[in-house]
């Protein structure tokens, strides 16, 4: 069955329930809210019994076969929820899930919850069998680019809006922490009436709950966003991240841009180089423009700065690694 966006889920549920839902992805809050909407719609339509199976080490898959054929004496409709937090059901589980997809139980809404699945996992027979039979919802990561739209939709639902400056301030305060972002949006509904919220209101109300991931750091300097790169480094330092991991991130991506440059000089195709250099997600579209902006000379200078940070971390050169990393970020973001 075709995939359904999480934004379109409420409208779909209003038209009726599907017999099988498959939710997978890395954004836990998005997955949780989608599952909650399905459960609520099921309760409203008389699915009063709920059975939850959590697949862990040693799980007995015969329990699933029993659940597919059993209905409580006190309810004629049931929600069957299968949680597979590891994403790997094993051979017995793969067979059981394939059987489930081929023989959906009567009077039952089945909900299968999975984490982010890589390409190989998505090509497995059991996943494709579920995908073919289910309404599929992917809980995609709400990254920096998607976050302003996500916040705006949430605020609109509670009758509130932000101008561009206030929205940028809000996003800076909650980036990388979607659960806290939801809590801050909910708090605004409690504190202020419907209408446009000012920057002053946000300064007084919104906590700084941003969380940063070192693996997304390169997106900031590749975009040329020096303030964001500095803010992310300050956040990583405050959270106790090891500077050696941050240095590794910088060095790997600087070398990647140099390899990309050499490949382009050799007349190779950008798409082929992207696969070879493992340019996934935002990096795929940011790498070539960043290469043109930064240039080979500054990239070589950045590698020299990386070497200096390495010596500072090891204590063989004077200087504070985090300060030099901030200089490096500014050097690459200009």
C-alpha atoms as a PDB file:
ATOM      1  CA  UNK A   1       0.000   0.000   0.000  1.00  0.00           C
ATOM      2  CA  UNK A   2       1.239   3.570  -0.597  1.00  0.00           C
ATOM      3  CA  UNK A   3       3.035   5.434   2.155  1.00  0.00           C
ATOM      4  CA  UNK A   4       1.175   8.069   4.136  1.00  0.00           C
ATOM      5  CA  UNK A   5       2.772  11.175   5.614  1.00  0.00           C
ATOM      6  CA  UNK A   6       2.262  11.714   9.327  1.00  0.00           C
ATOM      7  CA  UNK A   7       0.658  15.090   8.537  1.00  0.00           C
ATOM      8  CA  UNK A   8      -1.971  13.337   6.404  1.00  0.00           C
ATOM      9  CA  UNK A   9      -2.703  10.664   9.028  1.00  0.00           C
ATOM     10  CA  UNK A  10      -5.571  12.487  10.838  1.00  0.00           C
ATOM     11  CA  UNK A  11      -7.497  12.962   7.596  1.00  0.00           C
ATOM     12  CA  UNK A  12      -6.937   9.318   6.670  1.00  0.00           C
ATOM     13  CA  UNK A  13      -8.165   8.118  10.068  1.00  0.00           C
ATOM     14  CA  UNK A  14     -11.292  10.234   9.743  1.00  0.00           C
ATOM     15  CA  UNK A  15     -12.176   8.210   6.637  1.00  0.00           C
ATOM     16  CA  UNK A  16     -11.727   4.896   8.435  1.00  0.00           C
ATOM     17  CA  UNK A  17      -9.147   2.559   9.904  1.00  0.00           C
ATOM     18  CA  UNK A  18      -6.792   0.360   7.928  1.00  0.00           C
ATOM     19  CA  UNK A  19      -6.307  -3.241   9.105  1.00  0.00           C
ATOM     20  CA  UNK A  20      -2.505  -2.850   9.341  1.00  0.00           C
ATOM     21  CA  UNK A  21      -0.224   0.105  10.082  1.00  0.00           C
ATOM     22  CA  UNK A  22       3.570   0.030   9.829  1.00  0.00           C
ATOM     23  CA  UNK A  23       5.475   2.874  11.516  1.00  0.00           C
ATOM     24  CA  UNK A  24       9.246   3.074  11.186  1.00  0.00           C
ATOM     25  CA  UNK A  25      11.858   5.807  11.483  1.00  0.00           C
ATOM     26  CA  UNK A  26      14.324   7.570  13.732  1.00  0.00           C
ATOM     27  CA  UNK A  27      12.177  10.423  15.105  1.00  0.00           C
ATOM     28  CA  UNK A  28      10.720   8.865  18.221  1.00  0.00           C
ATOM     29  CA  UNK A  29       8.237  11.660  18.937  1.00  0.00           C
ATOM     30  CA  UNK A  30       6.783  11.529  15.416  1.00  0.00           C
ATOM     31  CA  UNK A  31       6.364   7.741  15.689  1.00  0.00           C
ATOM     32  CA  UNK A  32       4.803   8.024  19.151  1.00  0.00           C
ATOM     33  CA  UNK A  33       2.283  10.649  18.108  1.00  0.00           C
ATOM     34  CA  UNK A  34       1.293   8.722  14.970  1.00  0.00           C
ATOM     35  CA  UNK A  35       0.727   5.579  17.036  1.00  0.00           C
ATOM     36  CA  UNK A  36      -1.283   7.571  19.602  1.00  0.00           C
ATOM     37  CA  UNK A  37      -3.543   8.937  16.861  1.00  0.00           C
ATOM     38  CA  UNK A  38      -4.193   5.415  15.556  1.00  0.00           C
ATOM     39  CA  UNK A  39      -4.952   4.117  19.060  1.00  0.00           C
ATOM     40  CA  UNK A  40      -7.330   6.992  19.775  1.00  0.00           C
ATOM     41  CA  UNK A  41      -9.181   6.551  16.481  1.00  0.00           C
ATOM     42  CA  UNK A  42      -9.472   2.824  17.165  1.00  0.00           C
ATOM     43  CA  UNK A  43     -10.945   3.432  20.636  1.00  0.00           C
ATOM     44  CA  UNK A  44     -13.464   5.850  19.201  1.00  0.00           C
ATOM     45  CA  UNK A  45     -14.550   3.203  16.710  1.00  0.00           C
ATOM     46  CA  UNK A  46     -15.031   0.493  19.322  1.00  0.00           C
ATOM     47  CA  UNK A  47     -11.653  -1.250  19.381  1.00  0.00           C
ATOM     48  CA  UNK A  48     -11.641  -1.507  23.167  1.00  0.00           C
ATOM     49  CA  UNK A  49      -9.173  -4.358  23.683  1.00  0.00           C
ATOM     50  CA  UNK A  50      -5.453  -3.717  23.241  1.00  0.00           C
ATOM     51  CA  UNK A  51      -2.706  -6.327  23.229  1.00  0.00           C
ATOM     52  CA  UNK A  52       0.940  -5.257  23.145  1.00  0.00           C
ATOM     53  CA  UNK A  53       3.789  -7.605  22.143  1.00  0.00           C
ATOM     54  CA  UNK A  54       7.358  -6.367  22.618  1.00  0.00           C
ATOM     55  CA  UNK A  55       9.934  -8.378  20.708  1.00  0.00           C
ATOM     56  CA  UNK A  56      13.068  -8.814  22.785  1.00  0.00           C
ATOM     57  CA  UNK A  57      15.725 -11.510  23.067  1.00  0.00           C
ATOM     58  CA  UNK A  58      14.069 -14.913  23.447  1.00  0.00           C
ATOM     59  CA  UNK A  59      10.637 -13.704  22.322  1.00  0.00           C
ATOM     60  CA  UNK A  60       8.249 -16.584  21.645  1.00  0.00           C
ATOM     61  CA  UNK A  61       6.720 -15.918  18.231  1.00  0.00           C
ATOM     62  CA  UNK A  62       3.938 -18.406  18.886  1.00  0.00           C
ATOM     63  CA  UNK A  63       2.467 -15.644  21.076  1.00  0.00           C
ATOM     64  CA  UNK A  64       1.871 -13.612  17.920  1.00  0.00           C
ATOM     65  CA  UNK A  65       0.126 -16.521  16.206  1.00  0.00           C
ATOM     66  CA  UNK A  66      -2.103 -16.914  19.274  1.00  0.00           C
ATOM     67  CA  UNK A  67      -2.831 -13.181  19.362  1.00  0.00           C
ATOM     68  CA  UNK A  68      -3.890 -13.238  15.710  1.00  0.00           C
ATOM     69  CA  UNK A  69      -6.641 -15.744  16.444  1.00  0.00           C
ATOM     70  CA  UNK A  70      -7.830 -14.685  19.908  1.00  0.00           C
ATOM     71  CA  UNK A  71     -10.403 -12.053  20.852  1.00  0.00           C
ATOM     72  CA  UNK A  72     -11.452 -11.166  24.397  1.00  0.00           C
ATOM     73  CA  UNK A  73     -14.827 -12.311  25.684  1.00  0.00           C
ATOM     74  CA  UNK A  74     -15.508  -8.705  26.642  1.00  0.00           C
ATOM     75  CA  UNK A  75     -14.675  -6.990  23.348  1.00  0.00           C
ATOM     76  CA  UNK A  76     -15.271  -7.937  19.743  1.00  0.00           C
ATOM     77  CA  UNK A  77     -12.677  -5.530  18.300  1.00  0.00           C
ATOM     78  CA  UNK A  78      -8.982  -5.426  19.180  1.00  0.00           C
ATOM     79  CA  UNK A  79      -5.812  -3.405  18.609  1.00  0.00           C
ATOM     80  CA  UNK A  80      -2.770  -5.666  18.278  1.00  0.00           C
ATOM     81  CA  UNK A  81       0.481  -3.757  18.757  1.00  0.00           C
ATOM     82  CA  UNK A  82       3.826  -5.345  17.838  1.00  0.00           C
ATOM     83  CA  UNK A  83       6.906  -3.453  18.952  1.00  0.00           C
ATOM     84  CA  UNK A  84      10.300  -4.490  17.552  1.00  0.00           C
ATOM     85  CA  UNK A  85      12.750  -1.950  19.043  1.00  0.00           C
ATOM     86  CA  UNK A  86      15.814  -3.707  17.620  1.00  0.00           C
ATOM     87  CA  UNK A  87      14.362  -3.897  14.105  1.00  0.00           C
ATOM     88  CA  UNK A  88      15.563  -7.509  13.666  1.00  0.00           C
ATOM     89  CA  UNK A  89      12.932 -10.204  14.229  1.00  0.00           C
ATOM     90  CA  UNK A  90      15.203 -13.121  13.328  1.00  0.00           C
ATOM     91  CA  UNK A  91      14.300 -15.950  10.976  1.00  0.00           C
ATOM     92  CA  UNK A  92      11.342 -17.206  13.022  1.00  0.00           C
ATOM     93  CA  UNK A  93      10.031 -13.701  13.456  1.00  0.00           C
ATOM     94  CA  UNK A  94      10.466 -12.924   9.765  1.00  0.00           C
ATOM     95  CA  UNK A  95       8.308 -15.939   8.934  1.00  0.00           C
ATOM     96  CA  UNK A  96       5.687 -14.946  11.515  1.00  0.00           C
ATOM     97  CA  UNK A  97       5.505 -11.352  10.261  1.00  0.00           C
ATOM     98  CA  UNK A  98       5.218 -12.505   6.652  1.00  0.00           C
ATOM     99  CA  UNK A  99       2.364 -14.774   7.706  1.00  0.00           C
ATOM    100  CA  UNK A 100       0.733 -11.848   9.520  1.00  0.00           C
ATOM    101  CA  UNK A 101       0.897  -9.704   6.395  1.00  0.00           C
ATOM    102  CA  UNK A 102      -0.665 -12.479   4.302  1.00  0.00           C
ATOM    103  CA  UNK A 103      -3.395 -13.335   6.831  1.00  0.00           C
ATOM    104  CA  UNK A 104      -4.454 -10.197   8.684  1.00  0.00           C
ATOM    105  CA  UNK A 105      -6.619 -11.115  11.687  1.00  0.00           C
ATOM    106  CA  UNK A 106     -10.328 -10.379  11.602  1.00  0.00           C
ATOM    107  CA  UNK A 107     -11.815  -7.521  13.662  1.00  0.00           C
ATOM    108  CA  UNK A 108      -8.303  -6.327  14.517  1.00  0.00           C
ATOM    109  CA  UNK A 109      -6.260  -3.211  13.812  1.00  0.00           C
ATOM    110  CA  UNK A 110      -2.613  -4.279  13.847  1.00  0.00           C
ATOM    111  CA  UNK A 111       0.148  -1.769  14.514  1.00  0.00           C
ATOM    112  CA  UNK A 112       3.808  -2.681  13.891  1.00  0.00           C
ATOM    113  CA  UNK A 113       6.406  -0.301  15.357  1.00  0.00           C
ATOM    114  CA  UNK A 114       9.996  -0.385  14.106  1.00  0.00           C
ATOM    115  CA  UNK A 115      13.062   1.870  14.521  1.00  0.00           C
ATOM    116  CA  UNK A 116      14.923   3.401  11.603  1.00  0.00           C
ATOM    117  CA  UNK A 117      15.473   0.681   9.024  1.00  0.00           C
ATOM    118  CA  UNK A 118      18.473   0.724   6.710  1.00  0.00           C
ATOM    119  CA  UNK A 119      18.207  -0.103   3.026  1.00  0.00           C
ATOM    120  CA  UNK A 120      19.113  -3.763   3.499  1.00  0.00           C
ATOM    121  CA  UNK A 121      16.479  -4.204   6.213  1.00  0.00           C
ATOM    122  CA  UNK A 122      13.854  -2.553   4.040  1.00  0.00           C
ATOM    123  CA  UNK A 123      14.642  -4.985   1.249  1.00  0.00           C
ATOM    124  CA  UNK A 124      14.053  -8.037   3.458  1.00  0.00           C
ATOM    125  CA  UNK A 125      11.111 -10.250   2.517  1.00  0.00           C
ATOM    126  CA  UNK A 126       9.309  -9.774   5.829  1.00  0.00           C
ATOM    127  CA  UNK A 127       9.543  -5.973   5.681  1.00  0.00           C
ATOM    128  CA  UNK A 128       8.374  -5.853   2.077  1.00  0.00           C
ATOM    129  CA  UNK A 129       5.480  -8.177   2.912  1.00  0.00           C
ATOM    130  CA  UNK A 130       4.384  -5.831   5.706  1.00  0.00           C
ATOM    131  CA  UNK A 131       4.959  -2.785   3.526  1.00  0.00           C
ATOM    132  CA  UNK A 132       2.778  -4.240   0.775  1.00  0.00           C
ATOM    133  CA  UNK A 133      -0.112  -4.992   3.137  1.00  0.00           C
ATOM    134  CA  UNK A 134       0.126  -1.967   5.445  1.00  0.00           C
ATOM    135  CA  UNK A 135      -0.500   1.732   5.544  1.00  0.00           C
ATOM    136  CA  UNK A 136       3.104   2.838   6.008  1.00  0.00           C
ATOM    137  CA  UNK A 137       4.154   5.887   8.009  1.00  0.00           C
ATOM    138  CA  UNK A 138       7.796   6.922   8.139  1.00  0.00           C
ATOM    139  CA  UNK A 139       8.849   8.871  11.224  1.00  0.00           C
ATOM    140  CA  UNK A 140      11.519  10.881   9.441  1.00  0.00           C
ATOM    141  CA  UNK A 141      13.960  13.027  11.349  1.00  0.00           C
ATOM    142  CA  UNK A 142      12.759  16.615  11.813  1.00  0.00           C
ATOM    143  CA  UNK A 143      16.051  18.311  10.985  1.00  0.00           C
ATOM    144  CA  UNK A 144      17.011  21.973  11.071  1.00  0.00           C
ATOM    145  CA  UNK A 145      15.432  22.691   7.694  1.00  0.00           C
ATOM    146  CA  UNK A 146      12.136  20.978   8.554  1.00  0.00           C
ATOM    147  CA  UNK A 147      11.897  22.325  12.105  1.00  0.00           C
ATOM    148  CA  UNK A 148      10.490  25.813  11.305  1.00  0.00           C
ATOM    149  CA  UNK A 149       7.593  24.265   9.371  1.00  0.00           C
ATOM    150  CA  UNK A 150       6.973  21.745  12.148  1.00  0.00           C
ATOM    151  CA  UNK A 151       6.870  24.495  14.780  1.00  0.00           C
ATOM    152  CA  UNK A 152       4.637  26.725  12.643  1.00  0.00           C
ATOM    153  CA  UNK A 153       2.107  23.935  12.076  1.00  0.00           C
ATOM    154  CA  UNK A 154       1.988  23.191  15.801  1.00  0.00           C
ATOM    155  CA  UNK A 155       1.436  26.819  16.678  1.00  0.00           C
ATOM    156  CA  UNK A 156      -1.186  27.242  13.958  1.00  0.00           C
ATOM    157  CA  UNK A 157      -3.139  24.323  15.418  1.00  0.00           C
ATOM    158  CA  UNK A 158      -3.420  26.243  18.690  1.00  0.00           C
ATOM    159  CA  UNK A 159      -4.197  29.565  16.980  1.00  0.00           C
ATOM    160  CA  UNK A 160      -0.774  31.160  17.344  1.00  0.00           C
ATOM    161  CA  UNK A 161       1.774  32.472  14.844  1.00  0.00           C
ATOM    162  CA  UNK A 162       5.342  33.787  14.827  1.00  0.00           C
ATOM    163  CA  UNK A 163       7.041  36.262  12.521  1.00  0.00           C
ATOM    164  CA  UNK A 164      10.278  35.223  10.827  1.00  0.00           C
ATOM    165  CA  UNK A 165      12.568  36.664  13.517  1.00  0.00           C
ATOM    166  CA  UNK A 166      10.640  35.079  16.386  1.00  0.00           C
ATOM    167  CA  UNK A 167      10.468  31.723  14.566  1.00  0.00           C
ATOM    168  CA  UNK A 168      14.232  31.719  14.002  1.00  0.00           C
ATOM    169  CA  UNK A 169      14.768  32.462  17.710  1.00  0.00           C
ATOM    170  CA  UNK A 170      12.447  29.602  18.715  1.00  0.00           C
ATOM    171  CA  UNK A 171      14.161  27.131  16.391  1.00  0.00           C
ATOM    172  CA  UNK A 172      17.594  28.072  17.734  1.00  0.00           C
ATOM    173  CA  UNK A 173      16.392  27.349  21.277  1.00  0.00           C
ATOM    174  CA  UNK A 174      14.951  23.897  20.571  1.00  0.00           C
ATOM    175  CA  UNK A 175      17.035  22.491  17.698  1.00  0.00           C
ATOM    176  CA  UNK A 176      17.847  18.806  18.065  1.00  0.00           C
ATOM    177  CA  UNK A 177      15.356  18.188  20.873  1.00  0.00           C
ATOM    178  CA  UNK A 178      11.937  17.595  19.337  1.00  0.00           C
ATOM    179  CA  UNK A 179      10.245  16.402  22.521  1.00  0.00           C
ATOM    180  CA  UNK A 180      11.292  19.568  24.335  1.00  0.00           C
ATOM    181  CA  UNK A 181      10.187  21.591  21.290  1.00  0.00           C
ATOM    182  CA  UNK A 182       6.693  20.115  21.643  1.00  0.00           C
ATOM    183  CA  UNK A 183       6.675  20.975  25.334  1.00  0.00           C
ATOM    184  CA  UNK A 184       7.712  24.566  24.617  1.00  0.00           C
ATOM    185  CA  UNK A 185       4.966  24.921  21.980  1.00  0.00           C
ATOM    186  CA  UNK A 186       2.410  23.529  24.438  1.00  0.00           C
ATOM    187  CA  UNK A 187       3.655  25.968  27.079  1.00  0.00           C
ATOM    188  CA  UNK A 188       3.044  28.928  24.773  1.00  0.00           C
ATOM    189  CA  UNK A 189      -0.619  27.897  24.490  1.00  0.00           C
ATOM    190  CA  UNK A 190      -0.896  28.024  28.276  1.00  0.00           C
ATOM    191  CA  UNK A 191       0.890  31.340  28.691  1.00  0.00           C
ATOM    192  CA  UNK A 192      -0.437  33.429  25.817  1.00  0.00           C
ATOM    193  CA  UNK A 193      -3.739  33.876  23.945  1.00  0.00           C
ATOM    194  CA  UNK A 194      -4.266  33.143  20.271  1.00  0.00           C
ATOM    195  CA  UNK A 195      -2.625  35.499  17.792  1.00  0.00           C
ATOM    196  CA  UNK A 196       0.894  36.524  16.844  1.00  0.00           C
ATOM    197  CA  UNK A 197       3.538  35.989  19.511  1.00  0.00           C
ATOM    198  CA  UNK A 198       6.325  38.547  19.756  1.00  0.00           C
ATOM    199  CA  UNK A 199      10.034  37.956  20.168  1.00  0.00           C
ATOM    200  CA  UNK A 200       9.813  39.494  23.643  1.00  0.00           C
ATOM    201  CA  UNK A 201       7.179  36.913  24.627  1.00  0.00           C
ATOM    202  CA  UNK A 202       9.437  34.095  23.462  1.00  0.00           C
ATOM    203  CA  UNK A 203      12.490  35.460  25.255  1.00  0.00           C
ATOM    204  CA  UNK A 204      10.484  35.421  28.471  1.00  0.00           C
ATOM    205  CA  UNK A 205       8.944  31.980  27.983  1.00  0.00           C
ATOM    206  CA  UNK A 206      11.035  29.599  25.863  1.00  0.00           C
ATOM    207  CA  UNK A 207      13.818  27.674  27.587  1.00  0.00           C
ATOM    208  CA  UNK A 208      17.091  26.927  25.842  1.00  0.00           C
ATOM    209  CA  UNK A 209      16.689  23.163  25.354  1.00  0.00           C
ATOM    210  CA  UNK A 210      18.658  22.716  22.127  1.00  0.00           C
ATOM    211  CA  UNK A 211      20.625  19.488  21.793  1.00  0.00           C
ATOM    212  CA  UNK A 212      23.284  19.035  19.145  1.00  0.00           C
ATOM    213  CA  UNK A 213      24.600  15.991  17.358  1.00  0.00           C
ATOM    214  CA  UNK A 214      28.234  16.016  16.264  1.00  0.00           C
ATOM    215  CA  UNK A 215      27.261  14.157  13.095  1.00  0.00           C
ATOM    216  CA  UNK A 216      25.132  17.126  11.969  1.00  0.00           C
ATOM    217  CA  UNK A 217      27.793  19.724  12.774  1.00  0.00           C
ATOM    218  CA  UNK A 218      29.151  19.793   9.221  1.00  0.00           C
ATOM    219  CA  UNK A 219      25.774  20.907   7.856  1.00  0.00           C
ATOM    220  CA  UNK A 220      26.181  24.273   9.616  1.00  0.00           C
ATOM    221  CA  UNK A 221      29.566  25.201   8.193  1.00  0.00           C
ATOM    222  CA  UNK A 222      28.804  23.718   4.781  1.00  0.00           C
ATOM    223  CA  UNK A 223      25.796  26.063   4.640  1.00  0.00           C
ATOM    224  CA  UNK A 224      28.031  28.974   5.601  1.00  0.00           C
ATOM    225  CA  UNK A 225      26.143  29.521   8.854  1.00  0.00           C
ATOM    226  CA  UNK A 226      28.938  30.569  11.210  1.00  0.00           C
ATOM    227  CA  UNK A 227      26.672  31.584  14.147  1.00  0.00           C
ATOM    228  CA  UNK A 228      24.944  28.195  14.083  1.00  0.00           C
ATOM    229  CA  UNK A 229      28.258  26.346  13.866  1.00  0.00           C
ATOM    230  CA  UNK A 230      29.551  28.270  16.889  1.00  0.00           C
ATOM    231  CA  UNK A 231      26.315  27.653  18.784  1.00  0.00           C
ATOM    232  CA  UNK A 232      26.499  23.924  18.069  1.00  0.00           C
ATOM    233  CA  UNK A 233      30.108  23.736  19.254  1.00  0.00           C
ATOM    234  CA  UNK A 234      29.239  25.585  22.452  1.00  0.00           C
ATOM    235  CA  UNK A 235      26.340  23.194  23.005  1.00  0.00           C
ATOM    236  CA  UNK A 236      28.488  20.109  22.401  1.00  0.00           C
ATOM    237  CA  UNK A 237      31.135  21.428  24.790  1.00  0.00           C
ATOM    238  CA  UNK A 238      28.507  22.150  27.456  1.00  0.00           C
ATOM    239  CA  UNK A 239      27.095  18.629  27.073  1.00  0.00           C
ATOM    240  CA  UNK A 240      30.525  17.122  27.714  1.00  0.00           C
ATOM    241  CA  UNK A 241      31.168  15.827  24.210  1.00  0.00           C
ATOM    242  CA  UNK A 242      34.741  14.662  23.607  1.00  0.00           C
ATOM    243  CA  UNK A 243      36.641  17.147  21.407  1.00  0.00           C
ATOM    244  CA  UNK A 244      38.375  14.266  19.639  1.00  0.00           C
ATOM    245  CA  UNK A 245      35.030  13.152  18.165  1.00  0.00           C
ATOM    246  CA  UNK A 246      34.249  16.706  17.027  1.00  0.00           C
ATOM    247  CA  UNK A 247      37.702  16.951  15.451  1.00  0.00           C
ATOM    248  CA  UNK A 248      37.121  13.648  13.655  1.00  0.00           C
ATOM    249  CA  UNK A 249      33.881  15.071  12.198  1.00  0.00           C
ATOM    250  CA  UNK A 250      35.657  18.149  10.849  1.00  0.00           C
ATOM    251  CA  UNK A 251      38.620  16.238   9.444  1.00  0.00           C
ATOM    252  CA  UNK A 252      36.490  13.558   7.757  1.00  0.00           C
ATOM    253  CA  UNK A 253      34.296  16.108   5.986  1.00  0.00           C
ATOM    254  CA  UNK A 254      37.176  18.356   4.938  1.00  0.00           C
ATOM    255  CA  UNK A 255      38.915  15.328   3.403  1.00  0.00           C
ATOM    256  CA  UNK A 256      35.613  14.338   1.772  1.00  0.00           C
ATOM    257  CA  UNK A 257      35.389  17.751   0.065  1.00  0.00           C
ATOM    258  CA  UNK A 258      38.974  17.442  -1.157  1.00  0.00           C
ATOM    259  CA  UNK A 259      38.222  13.987  -2.604  1.00  0.00           C
ATOM    260  CA  UNK A 260      35.078  15.411  -4.209  1.00  0.00           C
ATOM    261  CA  UNK A 261      37.155  18.196  -5.772  1.00  0.00           C
ATOM    262  CA  UNK A 262      39.657  15.726  -7.186  1.00  0.00           C
ATOM    263  CA  UNK A 263      36.880  13.534  -8.568  1.00  0.00           C
ATOM    264  CA  UNK A 264      35.250  16.491 -10.314  1.00  0.00           C
ATOM    265  CA  UNK A 265      38.615  17.540 -11.759  1.00  0.00           C
ATOM    266  CA  UNK A 266      38.950  14.017 -13.150  1.00  0.00           C
ATOM    267  CA  UNK A 267      35.629  14.516 -14.953  1.00  0.00           C
ATOM    268  CA  UNK A 268      33.606  12.125 -12.826  1.00  0.00           C
ATOM    269  CA  UNK A 269      29.851  12.374 -12.278  1.00  0.00           C
ATOM    270  CA  UNK A 270      28.661  14.104  -9.096  1.00  0.00           C
ATOM    271  CA  UNK A 271      26.061  11.395  -8.439  1.00  0.00           C
ATOM    272  CA  UNK A 272      28.617   8.591  -8.693  1.00  0.00           C
ATOM    273  CA  UNK A 273      31.002  10.477  -6.433  1.00  0.00           C
ATOM    274  CA  UNK A 274      28.205  11.015  -3.944  1.00  0.00           C
ATOM    275  CA  UNK A 275      27.643   7.278  -3.620  1.00  0.00           C
ATOM    276  CA  UNK A 276      31.356   6.586  -3.349  1.00  0.00           C
ATOM    277  CA  UNK A 277      31.879   9.272  -0.689  1.00  0.00           C
ATOM    278  CA  UNK A 278      28.718   8.291   1.201  1.00  0.00           C
ATOM    279  CA  UNK A 279      27.015  11.663   0.815  1.00  0.00           C
ATOM    280  CA  UNK A 280      23.586  11.036   2.282  1.00  0.00           C
ATOM    281  CA  UNK A 281      20.797  13.391   3.340  1.00  0.00           C
ATOM    282  CA  UNK A 282      21.578  17.107   3.450  1.00  0.00           C
ATOM    283  CA  UNK A 283      25.263  16.553   2.738  1.00  0.00           C
ATOM    284  CA  UNK A 284      24.335  15.363  -0.736  1.00  0.00           C
ATOM    285  CA  UNK A 285      23.088  18.820  -1.708  1.00  0.00           C
ATOM    286  CA  UNK A 286      25.442  20.882   0.471  1.00  0.00           C
ATOM    287  CA  UNK A 287      28.805  19.371  -0.481  1.00  0.00           C
ATOM    288  CA  UNK A 288      29.319  20.757  -4.003  1.00  0.00           C
ATOM    289  CA  UNK A 289      28.209  24.347  -3.206  1.00  0.00           C
ATOM    290  CA  UNK A 290      30.394  24.250  -0.071  1.00  0.00           C
ATOM    291  CA  UNK A 291      33.367  23.090  -2.141  1.00  0.00           C
ATOM    292  CA  UNK A 292      32.904  25.983  -4.593  1.00  0.00           C
ATOM    293  CA  UNK A 293      32.598  28.500  -1.742  1.00  0.00           C
ATOM    294  CA  UNK A 294      35.483  27.282   0.407  1.00  0.00           C
ATOM    295  CA  UNK A 295      38.009  26.283  -2.248  1.00  0.00           C
ATOM    296  CA  UNK A 296      41.021  23.990  -2.102  1.00  0.00           C
ATOM    297  CA  UNK A 297      43.359  26.461  -0.393  1.00  0.00           C
ATOM    298  CA  UNK A 298      41.085  27.017   2.606  1.00  0.00           C
ATOM    299  CA  UNK A 299      40.369  23.296   2.848  1.00  0.00           C
ATOM    300  CA  UNK A 300      44.117  22.590   3.110  1.00  0.00           C
ATOM    301  CA  UNK A 301      44.409  25.324   5.740  1.00  0.00           C
ATOM    302  CA  UNK A 302      41.530  23.674   7.607  1.00  0.00           C
ATOM    303  CA  UNK A 303      43.443  20.368   7.664  1.00  0.00           C
ATOM    304  CA  UNK A 304      46.402  22.215   9.185  1.00  0.00           C
ATOM    305  CA  UNK A 305      44.060  23.619  11.847  1.00  0.00           C
ATOM    306  CA  UNK A 306      42.736  20.098  12.476  1.00  0.00           C
ATOM    307  CA  UNK A 307      46.316  18.940  13.045  1.00  0.00           C
ATOM    308  CA  UNK A 308      46.817  21.766  15.544  1.00  0.00           C
ATOM    309  CA  UNK A 309      43.654  20.770  17.432  1.00  0.00           C
ATOM    310  CA  UNK A 310      44.908  17.178  17.537  1.00  0.00           C
ATOM    311  CA  UNK A 311      48.193  18.313  19.119  1.00  0.00           C
ATOM    312  CA  UNK A 312      46.292  20.454  21.629  1.00  0.00           C
ATOM    313  CA  UNK A 313      44.093  17.501  22.619  1.00  0.00           C
ATOM    314  CA  UNK A 314      47.240  15.397  23.146  1.00  0.00           C
ATOM    315  CA  UNK A 315      48.863  18.169  25.171  1.00  0.00           C
ATOM    316  CA  UNK A 316      51.885  18.623  22.905  1.00  0.00           C
ATOM    317  CA  UNK A 317      50.902  22.127  21.782  1.00  0.00           C
ATOM    318  CA  UNK A 318      49.603  25.026  23.808  1.00  0.00           C
ATOM    319  CA  UNK A 319      46.034  26.161  23.297  1.00  0.00           C
ATOM    320  CA  UNK A 320      42.484  25.149  24.143  1.00  0.00           C
ATOM    321  CA  UNK A 321      41.002  22.625  21.664  1.00  0.00           C
ATOM    322  CA  UNK A 322      37.431  23.955  21.839  1.00  0.00           C
ATOM    323  CA  UNK A 323      38.570  27.502  21.089  1.00  0.00           C
ATOM    324  CA  UNK A 324      40.558  26.293  18.086  1.00  0.00           C
ATOM    325  CA  UNK A 325      37.588  24.214  16.894  1.00  0.00           C
ATOM    326  CA  UNK A 326      35.479  27.389  16.924  1.00  0.00           C
ATOM    327  CA  UNK A 327      38.154  29.129  14.855  1.00  0.00           C
ATOM    328  CA  UNK A 328      38.067  26.168  12.456  1.00  0.00           C
ATOM    329  CA  UNK A 329      34.273  26.362  12.128  1.00  0.00           C
ATOM    330  CA  UNK A 330      34.459  30.081  11.392  1.00  0.00           C
ATOM    331  CA  UNK A 331      37.267  29.462   8.881  1.00  0.00           C
ATOM    332  CA  UNK A 332      35.089  26.971   6.969  1.00  0.00           C
ATOM    333  CA  UNK A 333      31.801  28.880   7.227  1.00  0.00           C
ATOM    334  CA  UNK A 334      33.079  32.148   5.721  1.00  0.00           C
END
